[in-house]
Structures are given as C-alpha cells and as structure tokens.
C-alpha cells in the first residue's frame, strides 16, 4: 500500500545578524543546545554535528520535566558554507535550508517533507517555533 506524499512545508525568518554569525549559531553544537526546541518547557541537552556532505548530526530534544525525549538526526547531502544545507532525516524525509544575506540580516528559508503522524499545521507551527527561537537567541547573543 503506497502512502500519499504530502507537499513540502516551507517556513522562514529574517535574523538581524550577519550570515557568518547565523551559520555559526545554526551549526555549532554548543549553540544548537540553546535553541533547538519549540517551547520553553523543552530543551536540547545534547547535540552533535559533523557538518560535511555525508556527515551526520543528532540533537536530543527533551521535555524539561523528563516525561519525554527524542533524537532528531540525519545525514547531510549538500553543504555550501553560509548558503545551503540539505539533509535526509533518519526516516527518509528531506530538508533544505537556504541562507541569504549580508553583514546586517540573513533570511533563512527552510523546506521540509512533513511526516504523516501529525497534522501539517502542527508540524509547520513546531518547526516555525524552533526557527523563531533560533532568531531570538542569535539576535540576543
């Protein structure tokens, strides 16, 4: 039985920071642990990132009360410094992140294949919340 492929979801934000700073905060595990979660009652206690084509990454996202956690990870298929990251998640879905900017601002456009367990709106909102968290942290640092 074939499963219906859902349309990719695209989210974006503009970060008031240089592309170089945005790239650093997006990819450095010490920074990832500070932004890779969708709500204040969650955190990311562990992150590893081998940023190169064929390299792998994993981030543990967990409820602060210890009730739930999961690993979010995949394998990079394309890495163009300060411009583009593409990867395949462990379940086969693809993600593409485009960084466009200059010394003052960086637009991040993230397109991902949704999974089929949760409503598309919920996934869009969750990924957007993480992206908004990234923007807030990067601009404040």
C-alpha atoms as a PDB file:
ATOM      1  CA  UNK A   1       0.000   0.000   0.000  1.00  0.00           C
ATOM      2  CA  UNK A   2       1.560   3.295  -1.086  1.00  0.00           C
ATOM      3  CA  UNK A   3       1.438   6.217   1.300  1.00  0.00           C
ATOM      4  CA  UNK A   4       0.405   9.574  -0.042  1.00  0.00           C
ATOM      5  CA  UNK A   5       3.317  12.011  -0.230  1.00  0.00           C
ATOM      6  CA  UNK A   6       2.412  15.292   1.387  1.00  0.00           C
ATOM      7  CA  UNK A   7       3.506  18.599  -0.098  1.00  0.00           C
ATOM      8  CA  UNK A   8       6.703  20.023   1.428  1.00  0.00           C
ATOM      9  CA  UNK A   9       6.299  22.717   4.092  1.00  0.00           C
ATOM     10  CA  UNK A  10       8.271  25.977   3.895  1.00  0.00           C
ATOM     11  CA  UNK A  11       8.968  28.287   6.820  1.00  0.00           C
ATOM     12  CA  UNK A  12      11.203  31.352   7.005  1.00  0.00           C
ATOM     13  CA  UNK A  13      12.518  34.157   9.139  1.00  0.00           C
ATOM     14  CA  UNK A  14      14.854  37.121   8.858  1.00  0.00           C
ATOM     15  CA  UNK A  15      17.569  37.259  11.510  1.00  0.00           C
ATOM     16  CA  UNK A  16      19.178  40.606  12.298  1.00  0.00           C
ATOM     17  CA  UNK A  17      22.717  39.210  12.151  1.00  0.00           C
ATOM     18  CA  UNK A  18      25.381  38.543   9.538  1.00  0.00           C
ATOM     19  CA  UNK A  19      25.228  35.349   7.511  1.00  0.00           C
ATOM     20  CA  UNK A  20      28.514  34.232   9.117  1.00  0.00           C
ATOM     21  CA  UNK A  21      27.081  34.610  12.636  1.00  0.00           C
ATOM     22  CA  UNK A  22      23.837  32.877  11.647  1.00  0.00           C
ATOM     23  CA  UNK A  23      25.810  29.977  10.128  1.00  0.00           C
ATOM     24  CA  UNK A  24      27.891  29.638  13.321  1.00  0.00           C
ATOM     25  CA  UNK A  25      24.839  29.649  15.605  1.00  0.00           C
ATOM     26  CA  UNK A  26      22.949  27.228  13.324  1.00  0.00           C
ATOM     27  CA  UNK A  27      25.748  24.656  13.180  1.00  0.00           C
ATOM     28  CA  UNK A  28      27.808  24.811  16.396  1.00  0.00           C
ATOM     29  CA  UNK A  29      26.536  22.143  18.841  1.00  0.00           C
ATOM     30  CA  UNK A  30      27.062  24.475  21.813  1.00  0.00           C
ATOM     31  CA  UNK A  31      24.648  26.947  20.208  1.00  0.00           C
ATOM     32  CA  UNK A  32      22.254  24.259  18.914  1.00  0.00           C
ATOM     33  CA  UNK A  33      21.639  23.152  22.513  1.00  0.00           C
ATOM     34  CA  UNK A  34      20.359  26.673  23.265  1.00  0.00           C
ATOM     35  CA  UNK A  35      17.743  26.963  20.502  1.00  0.00           C
ATOM     36  CA  UNK A  36      16.694  23.553  19.104  1.00  0.00           C
ATOM     37  CA  UNK A  37      13.330  23.218  20.839  1.00  0.00           C
ATOM     38  CA  UNK A  38       9.850  24.592  20.186  1.00  0.00           C
ATOM     39  CA  UNK A  39       8.684  25.709  23.625  1.00  0.00           C
ATOM     40  CA  UNK A  40      10.174  26.909  26.948  1.00  0.00           C
ATOM     41  CA  UNK A  41       9.242  23.657  28.723  1.00  0.00           C
ATOM     42  CA  UNK A  42      11.593  21.722  26.389  1.00  0.00           C
ATOM     43  CA  UNK A  43      15.365  21.833  25.935  1.00  0.00           C
ATOM     44  CA  UNK A  44      18.119  20.234  23.871  1.00  0.00           C
ATOM     45  CA  UNK A  45      20.519  18.587  26.331  1.00  0.00           C
ATOM     46  CA  UNK A  46      22.726  17.029  23.627  1.00  0.00           C
ATOM     47  CA  UNK A  47      23.818  17.969  20.098  1.00  0.00           C
ATOM     48  CA  UNK A  48      26.439  16.565  17.718  1.00  0.00           C
ATOM     49  CA  UNK A  49      27.143  17.929  14.254  1.00  0.00           C
ATOM     50  CA  UNK A  50      29.548  16.702  11.565  1.00  0.00           C
ATOM     51  CA  UNK A  51      28.828  19.441   9.005  1.00  0.00           C
ATOM     52  CA  UNK A  52      30.018  17.993   5.689  1.00  0.00           C
ATOM     53  CA  UNK A  53      28.442  16.049   2.847  1.00  0.00           C
ATOM     54  CA  UNK A  54      27.970  12.531   4.209  1.00  0.00           C
ATOM     55  CA  UNK A  55      28.365  13.784   7.786  1.00  0.00           C
ATOM     56  CA  UNK A  56      25.707  13.123  10.379  1.00  0.00           C
ATOM     57  CA  UNK A  57      24.023  15.153  13.091  1.00  0.00           C
ATOM     58  CA  UNK A  58      21.820  14.422  16.052  1.00  0.00           C
ATOM     59  CA  UNK A  59      20.078  16.639  18.573  1.00  0.00           C
ATOM     60  CA  UNK A  60      18.249  15.315  21.608  1.00  0.00           C
ATOM     61  CA  UNK A  61      15.054  17.265  22.251  1.00  0.00           C
ATOM     62  CA  UNK A  62      13.516  16.639  25.679  1.00  0.00           C
ATOM     63  CA  UNK A  63      10.780  17.877  27.980  1.00  0.00           C
ATOM     64  CA  UNK A  64      12.425  19.599  30.952  1.00  0.00           C
ATOM     65  CA  UNK A  65      10.268  17.540  33.338  1.00  0.00           C
ATOM     66  CA  UNK A  66      11.794  14.333  31.924  1.00  0.00           C
ATOM     67  CA  UNK A  67       8.466  12.999  30.645  1.00  0.00           C
ATOM     68  CA  UNK A  68       9.523  12.681  27.007  1.00  0.00           C
ATOM     69  CA  UNK A  69      12.526  12.960  24.692  1.00  0.00           C
ATOM     70  CA  UNK A  70      13.567  12.050  21.171  1.00  0.00           C
ATOM     71  CA  UNK A  71      16.587  12.320  18.897  1.00  0.00           C
ATOM     72  CA  UNK A  72      16.320  14.412  15.752  1.00  0.00           C
ATOM     73  CA  UNK A  73      19.027  13.488  13.277  1.00  0.00           C
ATOM     74  CA  UNK A  74      20.073  12.775   9.752  1.00  0.00           C
ATOM     75  CA  UNK A  75      22.799  12.793   7.129  1.00  0.00           C
ATOM     76  CA  UNK A  76      23.968  15.821   5.145  1.00  0.00           C
ATOM     77  CA  UNK A  77      23.691  15.585   1.359  1.00  0.00           C
ATOM     78  CA  UNK A  78      24.734  19.158   0.476  1.00  0.00           C
ATOM     79  CA  UNK A  79      26.719  21.751   2.442  1.00  0.00           C
ATOM     80  CA  UNK A  80      27.642  25.119   0.900  1.00  0.00           C
ATOM     81  CA  UNK A  81      29.140  27.313   3.619  1.00  0.00           C
ATOM     82  CA  UNK A  82      26.956  30.306   4.573  1.00  0.00           C
ATOM     83  CA  UNK A  83      24.484  29.419   1.774  1.00  0.00           C
ATOM     84  CA  UNK A  84      22.846  25.992   1.766  1.00  0.00           C
ATOM     85  CA  UNK A  85      22.328  22.856   3.841  1.00  0.00           C
ATOM     86  CA  UNK A  86      20.403  19.805   2.656  1.00  0.00           C
ATOM     87  CA  UNK A  87      19.944  16.590   4.583  1.00  0.00           C
ATOM     88  CA  UNK A  88      17.963  13.385   4.818  1.00  0.00           C
ATOM     89  CA  UNK A  89      16.328  12.573   8.140  1.00  0.00           C
ATOM     90  CA  UNK A  90      16.534   9.084   9.606  1.00  0.00           C
ATOM     91  CA  UNK A  91      13.020   8.320   8.288  1.00  0.00           C
ATOM     92  CA  UNK A  92      13.916   9.335   4.696  1.00  0.00           C
ATOM     93  CA  UNK A  93      12.315  12.788   4.634  1.00  0.00           C
ATOM     94  CA  UNK A  94      14.369  15.603   3.114  1.00  0.00           C
ATOM     95  CA  UNK A  95      15.140  19.084   4.422  1.00  0.00           C
ATOM     96  CA  UNK A  96      16.616  22.082   2.582  1.00  0.00           C
ATOM     97  CA  UNK A  97      17.783  25.263   4.348  1.00  0.00           C
ATOM     98  CA  UNK A  98      18.804  28.348   2.356  1.00  0.00           C
ATOM     99  CA  UNK A  99      20.726  31.233   3.959  1.00  0.00           C
ATOM    100  CA  UNK A 100      20.625  34.556   2.085  1.00  0.00           C
ATOM    101  CA  UNK A 101      22.025  37.755   3.499  1.00  0.00           C
ATOM    102  CA  UNK A 102      24.783  40.201   4.186  1.00  0.00           C
ATOM    103  CA  UNK A 103      26.506  41.788   7.174  1.00  0.00           C
ATOM    104  CA  UNK A 104      23.229  43.045   8.688  1.00  0.00           C
ATOM    105  CA  UNK A 105      20.487  40.495   8.036  1.00  0.00           C
ATOM    106  CA  UNK A 106      20.079  36.880   6.988  1.00  0.00           C
ATOM    107  CA  UNK A 107      16.943  35.308   5.560  1.00  0.00           C
ATOM    108  CA  UNK A 108      16.581  31.626   6.423  1.00  0.00           C
ATOM    109  CA  UNK A 109      14.187  29.577   4.290  1.00  0.00           C
ATOM    110  CA  UNK A 110      13.615  26.018   5.479  1.00  0.00           C
ATOM    111  CA  UNK A 111      11.661  23.495   3.379  1.00  0.00           C
ATOM    112  CA  UNK A 112      10.926  20.029   4.745  1.00  0.00           C
ATOM    113  CA  UNK A 113       8.885  16.956   3.941  1.00  0.00           C
ATOM    114  CA  UNK A 114       6.183  16.517   6.585  1.00  0.00           C
ATOM    115  CA  UNK A 115       5.666  13.222   8.366  1.00  0.00           C
ATOM    116  CA  UNK A 116       2.264  11.562   8.324  1.00  0.00           C
ATOM    117  CA  UNK A 117       1.626  11.091  12.077  1.00  0.00           C
ATOM    118  CA  UNK A 118       0.806  14.731  12.939  1.00  0.00           C
ATOM    119  CA  UNK A 119      -1.266  17.418  11.194  1.00  0.00           C
ATOM    120  CA  UNK A 120       0.655  19.574   8.704  1.00  0.00           C
ATOM    121  CA  UNK A 121      -0.309  22.757  10.601  1.00  0.00           C
ATOM    122  CA  UNK A 122       1.120  21.335  13.831  1.00  0.00           C
ATOM    123  CA  UNK A 123       4.400  20.462  12.097  1.00  0.00           C
ATOM    124  CA  UNK A 124       4.633  23.887  10.442  1.00  0.00           C
ATOM    125  CA  UNK A 125       3.956  25.616  13.773  1.00  0.00           C
ATOM    126  CA  UNK A 126       6.502  23.463  15.617  1.00  0.00           C
ATOM    127  CA  UNK A 127       9.292  23.981  13.088  1.00  0.00           C
ATOM    128  CA  UNK A 128       8.470  27.711  12.909  1.00  0.00           C
ATOM    129  CA  UNK A 129       8.642  27.940  16.724  1.00  0.00           C
ATOM    130  CA  UNK A 130      12.128  26.396  16.651  1.00  0.00           C
ATOM    131  CA  UNK A 131      13.162  28.831  13.894  1.00  0.00           C
ATOM    132  CA  UNK A 132      11.754  31.756  15.915  1.00  0.00           C
ATOM    133  CA  UNK A 133      13.688  30.505  18.953  1.00  0.00           C
ATOM    134  CA  UNK A 134      16.856  30.433  16.814  1.00  0.00           C
ATOM    135  CA  UNK A 135      16.241  34.031  15.662  1.00  0.00           C
ATOM    136  CA  UNK A 136      15.678  35.255  19.225  1.00  0.00           C
ATOM    137  CA  UNK A 137      18.821  33.566  20.588  1.00  0.00           C
ATOM    138  CA  UNK A 138      21.060  34.635  17.707  1.00  0.00           C
ATOM    139  CA  UNK A 139      19.942  38.268  17.842  1.00  0.00           C
ATOM    140  CA  UNK A 140      20.366  38.397  21.633  1.00  0.00           C
ATOM    141  CA  UNK A 141      23.908  36.955  21.602  1.00  0.00           C
END
